[in-house]
Amino acid sequence: MASAGQWVQGARPRTLPAAVSPVLAGTGAAAALDGSHLGRAVLALVVALALQVAVNYANDYSDGVRGTDADRVGPLRLVGSGAADPPAVRRAAFAAFAVAGVAGLALVAVSGAWWLVLVGAASIAAAWTYTGGRRPYGYLGLGEVFVFVFFGLVAVLGTTYVQAGRADLVTVLAAVGVGLHACAILVANNLRDVPTDARAGKRTLAVRLGAERTRRLFVVLVLAPPLLSALAAPLLASAWPLLALLALPLALPLARTVAGRAAGRALVPVLAGTGRLELVHAALLALGLALAG
């Protein structure tokens, strides 16, 4: 039976900035629209965190039963390592999905946007079918697409909408930036796992592109968001959104490390660093947007 510490490792806490960041950015965008609401922001955060934990456990379960995690570099895999039985990990994933669902329904009730129930259902379905089901899209090289959509566009725009009742071009810029950084986390993870994924038949985008082109993609993904966020300054007629550019010093070392052909375990710190980058960028952007508003 897995220990409490192993269950925490299995939840992959280094990926949690991908859940917190869109809520920060979306709340900042709502403040720029004079519509921020702390209670709704907290509910959105619970939904995002629960979905992230759920997709991590679901990925652990599905990859484990397929044998993809039999030879894996990086964080502990509960099923692949034998630390936990597959049904237990599946139940943990479903429990996290349930938490996300309850918090999501509460958020829908207080905001009155009942059509968001469909968005929530689609988010849960996307989380499970990333590596689960008969044709998991993560094995087809589509993981980054869905991460960009659900942990970027949907999460940021949804967070803003449930607070302000609308979204604008500035919100879209924030959503694109957060989504690109979320993709960078997945790209760093999949770049590390290219050899083992290729042997296991998991055709991630990194496997399809090859290591060198994946490295170039990562560099673009970490450097572009602060520059995109700066475009909010002229739209709001304020210099405050330029605070997002202060995240660039965190992005440059990550870009140099990956471009320098780091591989295997050398990419583990890059994964954590990319999560920190996304969180810092989102916090700076949220602050800039709130001050501009």
Protein backbone atom coordinates (compact mmCIF):
# COMPACT_ATOMS: atom_id res chain seq x y z
CA MET A 1 0.00 0.00 0.00
CA ALA A 2 1.33 3.44 -0.94
CA SER A 3 2.24 5.82 1.87
CA ALA A 4 0.71 9.29 2.22
CA GLY A 5 3.94 10.77 0.88
CA GLN A 6 3.80 8.56 -2.19
CA TRP A 7 0.19 9.60 -2.87
CA VAL A 8 1.32 13.23 -2.71
CA GLN A 9 4.14 12.47 -5.14
CA GLY A 10 1.66 10.68 -7.38
CA ALA A 11 -0.45 13.85 -7.52
CA ARG A 12 2.64 15.52 -9.12
CA PRO A 13 2.65 18.78 -7.16
CA ARG A 14 5.16 20.33 -9.59
CA THR A 15 2.38 20.50 -12.18
CA LEU A 16 -0.06 22.36 -9.91
CA PRO A 17 1.07 25.83 -11.08
CA ALA A 18 -0.70 24.91 -14.32
CA ALA A 19 -3.94 24.93 -12.29
CA VAL A 20 -3.27 28.02 -10.18
CA SER A 21 -1.95 30.22 -13.01
CA PRO A 22 -5.11 30.46 -15.15
CA VAL A 23 -7.18 31.39 -12.11
CA LEU A 24 -4.71 34.15 -11.22
CA ALA A 25 -4.62 35.50 -14.76
CA GLY A 26 -8.39 35.21 -15.19
CA THR A 27 -9.02 37.02 -11.91
CA GLY A 28 -6.64 39.79 -12.93
CA ALA A 29 -8.50 40.12 -16.23
CA ALA A 30 -11.80 40.27 -14.31
CA ALA A 31 -10.36 43.05 -12.13
CA ALA A 32 -9.42 44.97 -15.27
CA LEU A 33 -13.11 44.70 -16.20
CA ASP A 34 -14.10 45.88 -12.69
CA GLY A 35 -15.69 42.52 -12.00
CA SER A 36 -13.38 40.49 -9.71
CA HIS A 37 -15.07 38.36 -7.05
CA LEU A 38 -12.97 36.58 -4.40
CA GLY A 39 -15.47 33.82 -3.60
CA ARG A 40 -15.91 32.84 -7.23
CA ALA A 41 -12.15 32.98 -7.78
CA VAL A 42 -11.66 30.54 -4.88
CA LEU A 43 -14.25 28.15 -6.34
CA ALA A 44 -12.54 28.36 -9.74
CA LEU A 45 -9.24 27.54 -8.03
CA VAL A 46 -10.73 24.45 -6.36
CA VAL A 47 -12.05 23.28 -9.73
CA ALA A 48 -8.70 23.82 -11.44
CA LEU A 49 -6.63 22.14 -8.72
CA ALA A 50 -8.97 19.16 -8.49
CA LEU A 51 -8.91 18.68 -12.26
CA GLN A 52 -5.11 18.85 -12.33
CA VAL A 53 -4.79 16.24 -9.58
CA ALA A 54 -7.44 14.11 -11.28
CA VAL A 55 -5.68 14.14 -14.65
CA ASN A 56 -2.39 13.28 -12.94
CA TYR A 57 -3.87 10.25 -11.17
CA ALA A 58 -5.79 9.25 -14.30
CA ASN A 59 -2.57 9.47 -16.33
CA ASP A 60 -0.76 7.40 -13.70
CA TYR A 61 -3.49 4.74 -13.82
CA SER A 62 -3.89 4.56 -17.60
CA ASP A 63 -0.18 4.61 -18.42
CA GLY A 64 0.48 2.13 -15.63
CA VAL A 65 -1.99 -0.48 -16.81
CA ARG A 66 -0.71 -0.08 -20.38
CA GLY A 67 2.86 -0.64 -19.24
CA THR A 68 4.04 2.76 -20.47
CA ASP A 69 5.46 3.65 -17.04
CA ALA A 70 7.44 0.42 -16.61
CA ASP A 71 10.72 2.28 -17.31
CA ARG A 72 10.25 5.93 -16.42
CA VAL A 73 12.59 8.79 -15.46
CA GLY A 74 11.14 11.45 -13.19
CA PRO A 75 8.48 11.61 -10.46
CA LEU A 76 7.06 8.47 -8.84
CA ARG A 77 4.37 6.63 -10.78
CA LEU A 78 2.10 4.84 -8.34
CA VAL A 79 0.94 2.06 -10.67
CA GLY A 80 4.11 1.73 -12.73
CA SER A 81 6.27 1.39 -9.61
CA GLY A 82 3.89 -1.03 -7.93
CA ALA A 83 3.41 1.31 -4.96
CA ALA A 84 -0.39 1.28 -5.37
CA ASP A 85 -2.92 -1.03 -6.99
CA PRO A 86 -4.46 0.29 -10.24
CA PRO A 87 -8.05 0.31 -8.85
CA ALA A 88 -6.93 2.48 -5.92
CA VAL A 89 -5.33 5.03 -8.24
CA ARG A 90 -8.42 5.02 -10.46
CA ARG A 91 -10.60 5.69 -7.40
CA ALA A 92 -8.32 8.59 -6.43
CA ALA A 93 -8.75 10.06 -9.90
CA PHE A 94 -12.53 9.71 -9.73
CA ALA A 95 -12.58 11.29 -6.26
CA ALA A 96 -10.67 14.30 -7.57
CA PHE A 97 -13.06 14.52 -10.53
CA ALA A 98 -15.96 14.50 -8.06
CA VAL A 99 -14.45 17.38 -6.08
CA ALA A 100 -14.01 19.34 -9.31
CA GLY A 101 -17.59 18.56 -10.31
CA VAL A 102 -19.12 19.69 -6.99
CA ALA A 103 -17.08 22.91 -6.92
CA GLY A 104 -17.91 23.51 -10.57
CA LEU A 105 -21.65 23.13 -9.97
CA ALA A 106 -21.41 25.57 -7.04
CA LEU A 107 -19.60 28.04 -9.28
CA VAL A 108 -22.24 27.65 -11.99
CA ALA A 109 -25.02 28.17 -9.44
CA VAL A 110 -23.60 31.42 -8.05
CA SER A 111 -22.68 32.80 -11.47
CA GLY A 112 -25.89 31.73 -13.20
CA ALA A 113 -23.97 30.57 -16.28
CA TRP A 114 -25.57 27.12 -16.57
CA TRP A 115 -24.09 26.48 -19.99
CA LEU A 116 -20.74 26.11 -18.21
CA VAL A 117 -21.94 22.67 -17.05
CA LEU A 118 -21.23 21.47 -20.59
CA VAL A 119 -17.77 23.05 -20.48
CA GLY A 120 -17.08 21.29 -17.19
CA ALA A 121 -18.21 17.95 -18.55
CA ALA A 122 -15.98 18.42 -21.59
CA SER A 123 -13.05 19.26 -19.29
CA ILE A 124 -13.53 16.07 -17.28
CA ALA A 125 -13.85 14.00 -20.45
CA ALA A 126 -10.67 15.55 -21.84
CA ALA A 127 -8.82 14.89 -18.58
CA TRP A 128 -9.76 11.19 -18.58
CA THR A 129 -9.18 10.51 -22.28
CA TYR A 130 -5.72 12.11 -22.29
CA THR A 131 -4.29 8.66 -21.64
CA GLY A 132 -7.48 6.71 -20.88
CA GLY A 133 -10.05 5.05 -23.10
CA ARG A 134 -9.55 3.11 -26.31
CA ARG A 135 -7.89 5.91 -28.28
CA PRO A 136 -6.18 8.28 -25.83
CA TYR A 137 -5.29 11.51 -27.57
CA GLY A 138 -2.08 11.85 -25.55
CA TYR A 139 -0.78 8.83 -27.49
CA LEU A 140 -1.57 10.57 -30.77
CA GLY A 141 0.47 13.72 -30.18
CA LEU A 142 -2.53 15.89 -29.31
CA GLY A 143 -1.83 16.44 -25.62
CA GLU A 144 -0.49 19.96 -26.08
CA VAL A 145 -3.56 20.99 -28.07
CA PHE A 146 -5.93 19.97 -25.30
CA VAL A 147 -3.71 21.46 -22.58
CA PHE A 148 -3.69 24.77 -24.44
CA VAL A 149 -7.47 24.71 -24.84
CA PHE A 150 -8.47 23.56 -21.35
CA PHE A 151 -5.64 24.87 -19.11
CA GLY A 152 -5.29 28.05 -21.14
CA LEU A 153 -8.32 29.29 -23.04
CA VAL A 154 -11.10 27.58 -21.10
CA ALA A 155 -9.59 28.07 -17.64
CA VAL A 156 -8.67 31.75 -18.03
CA LEU A 157 -11.72 32.84 -20.02
CA GLY A 158 -14.00 30.82 -17.75
CA THR A 159 -12.48 32.32 -14.60
CA THR A 160 -12.96 35.83 -15.96
CA TYR A 161 -16.48 35.16 -17.19
CA VAL A 162 -17.85 33.75 -13.93
CA GLN A 163 -16.58 36.85 -12.13
CA ALA A 164 -17.12 39.70 -14.59
CA GLY A 165 -19.89 38.22 -16.76
CA ARG A 166 -17.86 38.90 -19.90
CA ALA A 167 -14.37 38.69 -21.39
CA ASP A 168 -12.42 40.84 -23.82
CA LEU A 169 -9.32 40.81 -26.01
CA VAL A 170 -7.06 41.37 -23.00
CA THR A 171 -8.52 38.23 -21.44
CA VAL A 172 -7.82 36.30 -24.63
CA LEU A 173 -4.17 37.47 -24.59
CA ALA A 174 -3.86 36.34 -20.99
CA ALA A 175 -5.43 32.98 -21.84
CA VAL A 176 -3.07 32.40 -24.77
CA GLY A 177 -0.01 33.23 -22.66
CA VAL A 178 -1.04 30.94 -19.81
CA GLY A 179 -1.92 28.19 -22.27
CA LEU A 180 1.49 28.38 -23.95
CA HIS A 181 3.27 28.05 -20.61
CA ALA A 182 1.03 25.10 -19.68
CA CYS A 183 2.04 23.48 -22.97
CA ALA A 184 5.70 24.15 -22.13
CA ILE A 185 5.33 22.07 -18.95
CA LEU A 186 3.98 19.15 -20.95
CA VAL A 187 6.61 19.58 -23.67
CA ALA A 188 9.40 19.48 -21.05
CA ASN A 189 7.85 16.35 -19.54
CA ASN A 190 7.47 14.62 -22.90
CA LEU A 191 10.94 15.65 -24.09
CA ARG A 192 12.38 13.92 -21.02
CA ASP A 193 10.35 10.80 -21.80
CA VAL A 194 11.00 10.58 -25.56
CA PRO A 195 13.09 7.37 -25.38
CA THR A 196 10.71 5.47 -23.08
CA ASP A 197 7.55 6.76 -24.78
CA ALA A 198 8.88 5.77 -28.21
CA ARG A 199 9.62 2.23 -27.00
CA ALA A 200 6.16 1.96 -25.42
CA GLY A 201 4.39 3.17 -28.57
CA LYS A 202 3.25 6.45 -26.99
CA ARG A 203 3.43 8.88 -29.92
CA THR A 204 3.51 12.19 -28.07
CA LEU A 205 4.19 15.40 -29.95
CA ALA A 206 7.80 15.23 -28.75
CA VAL A 207 8.17 11.72 -30.18
CA ARG A 208 6.64 12.83 -33.48
CA LEU A 209 8.74 15.99 -33.78
CA GLY A 210 11.97 14.49 -32.51
CA ALA A 211 14.14 15.88 -29.72
CA GLU A 212 15.73 18.79 -31.61
CA ARG A 213 12.53 20.30 -32.97
CA THR A 214 10.87 19.77 -29.58
CA ARG A 215 13.67 21.79 -27.98
CA ARG A 216 13.02 24.69 -30.36
CA LEU A 217 9.31 24.47 -29.62
CA PHE A 218 9.98 24.65 -25.88
CA VAL A 219 12.09 27.80 -26.29
CA VAL A 220 9.24 29.54 -28.12
CA LEU A 221 6.67 28.40 -25.56
CA VAL A 222 8.56 29.78 -22.56
CA LEU A 223 9.63 33.09 -24.12
CA ALA A 224 6.47 34.10 -25.99
CA PRO A 225 3.91 34.56 -23.14
CA PRO A 226 5.53 37.57 -21.39
CA LEU A 227 5.89 39.28 -24.76
CA LEU A 228 2.25 38.55 -25.66
CA SER A 229 1.07 39.79 -22.27
CA ALA A 230 2.85 43.09 -22.85
CA LEU A 231 0.41 43.73 -25.71
CA ALA A 232 -2.25 44.34 -23.07
CA ALA A 233 -0.54 47.63 -22.17
CA PRO A 234 -1.68 49.60 -25.25
CA LEU A 235 -5.11 47.95 -25.15
CA LEU A 236 -5.65 49.19 -21.59
CA ALA A 237 -3.71 52.44 -22.13
CA SER A 238 -1.60 51.54 -19.10
CA ALA A 239 1.99 50.47 -18.52
CA TRP A 240 1.07 48.15 -15.64
CA PRO A 241 0.65 45.00 -17.80
CA LEU A 242 4.33 45.36 -18.71
CA LEU A 243 5.03 43.83 -15.30
CA ALA A 244 4.65 40.48 -17.07
CA LEU A 245 7.99 41.12 -18.79
CA LEU A 246 9.69 40.64 -15.41
CA ALA A 247 9.10 36.89 -15.90
CA LEU A 248 11.59 36.78 -18.79
CA PRO A 249 14.67 36.36 -16.52
CA LEU A 250 13.11 33.11 -15.30
CA ALA A 251 12.43 31.95 -18.85
CA LEU A 252 15.90 32.53 -20.29
CA PRO A 253 17.81 29.92 -18.18
CA LEU A 254 15.16 27.30 -18.97
CA ALA A 255 15.43 28.05 -22.68
CA ARG A 256 19.24 27.82 -22.53
CA THR A 257 19.16 24.52 -20.64
CA VAL A 258 16.77 22.84 -23.06
CA ALA A 259 18.44 24.32 -26.15
CA GLY A 260 21.74 23.05 -24.72
CA ARG A 261 20.48 19.48 -25.21
CA ALA A 262 19.77 18.58 -21.61
CA ALA A 263 18.12 15.15 -21.49
CA GLY A 264 16.76 12.56 -19.08
CA ARG A 265 17.07 13.49 -15.41
CA ALA A 266 18.64 16.84 -16.34
CA LEU A 267 15.19 17.89 -17.54
CA VAL A 268 13.49 17.22 -14.19
CA PRO A 269 14.50 20.65 -12.78
CA VAL A 270 13.32 22.22 -16.04
CA LEU A 271 9.86 20.80 -15.44
CA ALA A 272 9.71 22.38 -11.97
CA GLY A 273 11.23 25.62 -13.26
CA THR A 274 8.67 25.89 -16.04
CA GLY A 275 5.88 25.50 -13.50
CA ARG A 276 7.40 28.32 -11.43
CA LEU A 277 7.74 30.44 -14.55
CA GLU A 278 4.08 30.00 -15.43
CA LEU A 279 3.01 30.88 -11.89
CA VAL A 280 5.23 33.98 -11.66
CA HIS A 281 4.19 35.18 -15.10
CA ALA A 282 0.49 34.72 -14.27
CA ALA A 283 0.87 36.51 -10.92
CA LEU A 284 2.71 39.45 -12.48
CA LEU A 285 0.17 39.66 -15.28
CA ALA A 286 -2.75 39.47 -12.83
CA LEU A 287 -1.23 42.27 -10.75
CA GLY A 288 -0.60 44.39 -13.84
CA LEU A 289 -4.13 43.91 -15.13
CA ALA A 290 -5.70 44.65 -11.76
CA LEU A 291 -3.67 47.85 -11.37
CA ALA A 292 -4.51 48.87 -14.93
CA GLY A 293 -8.20 48.38 -14.21
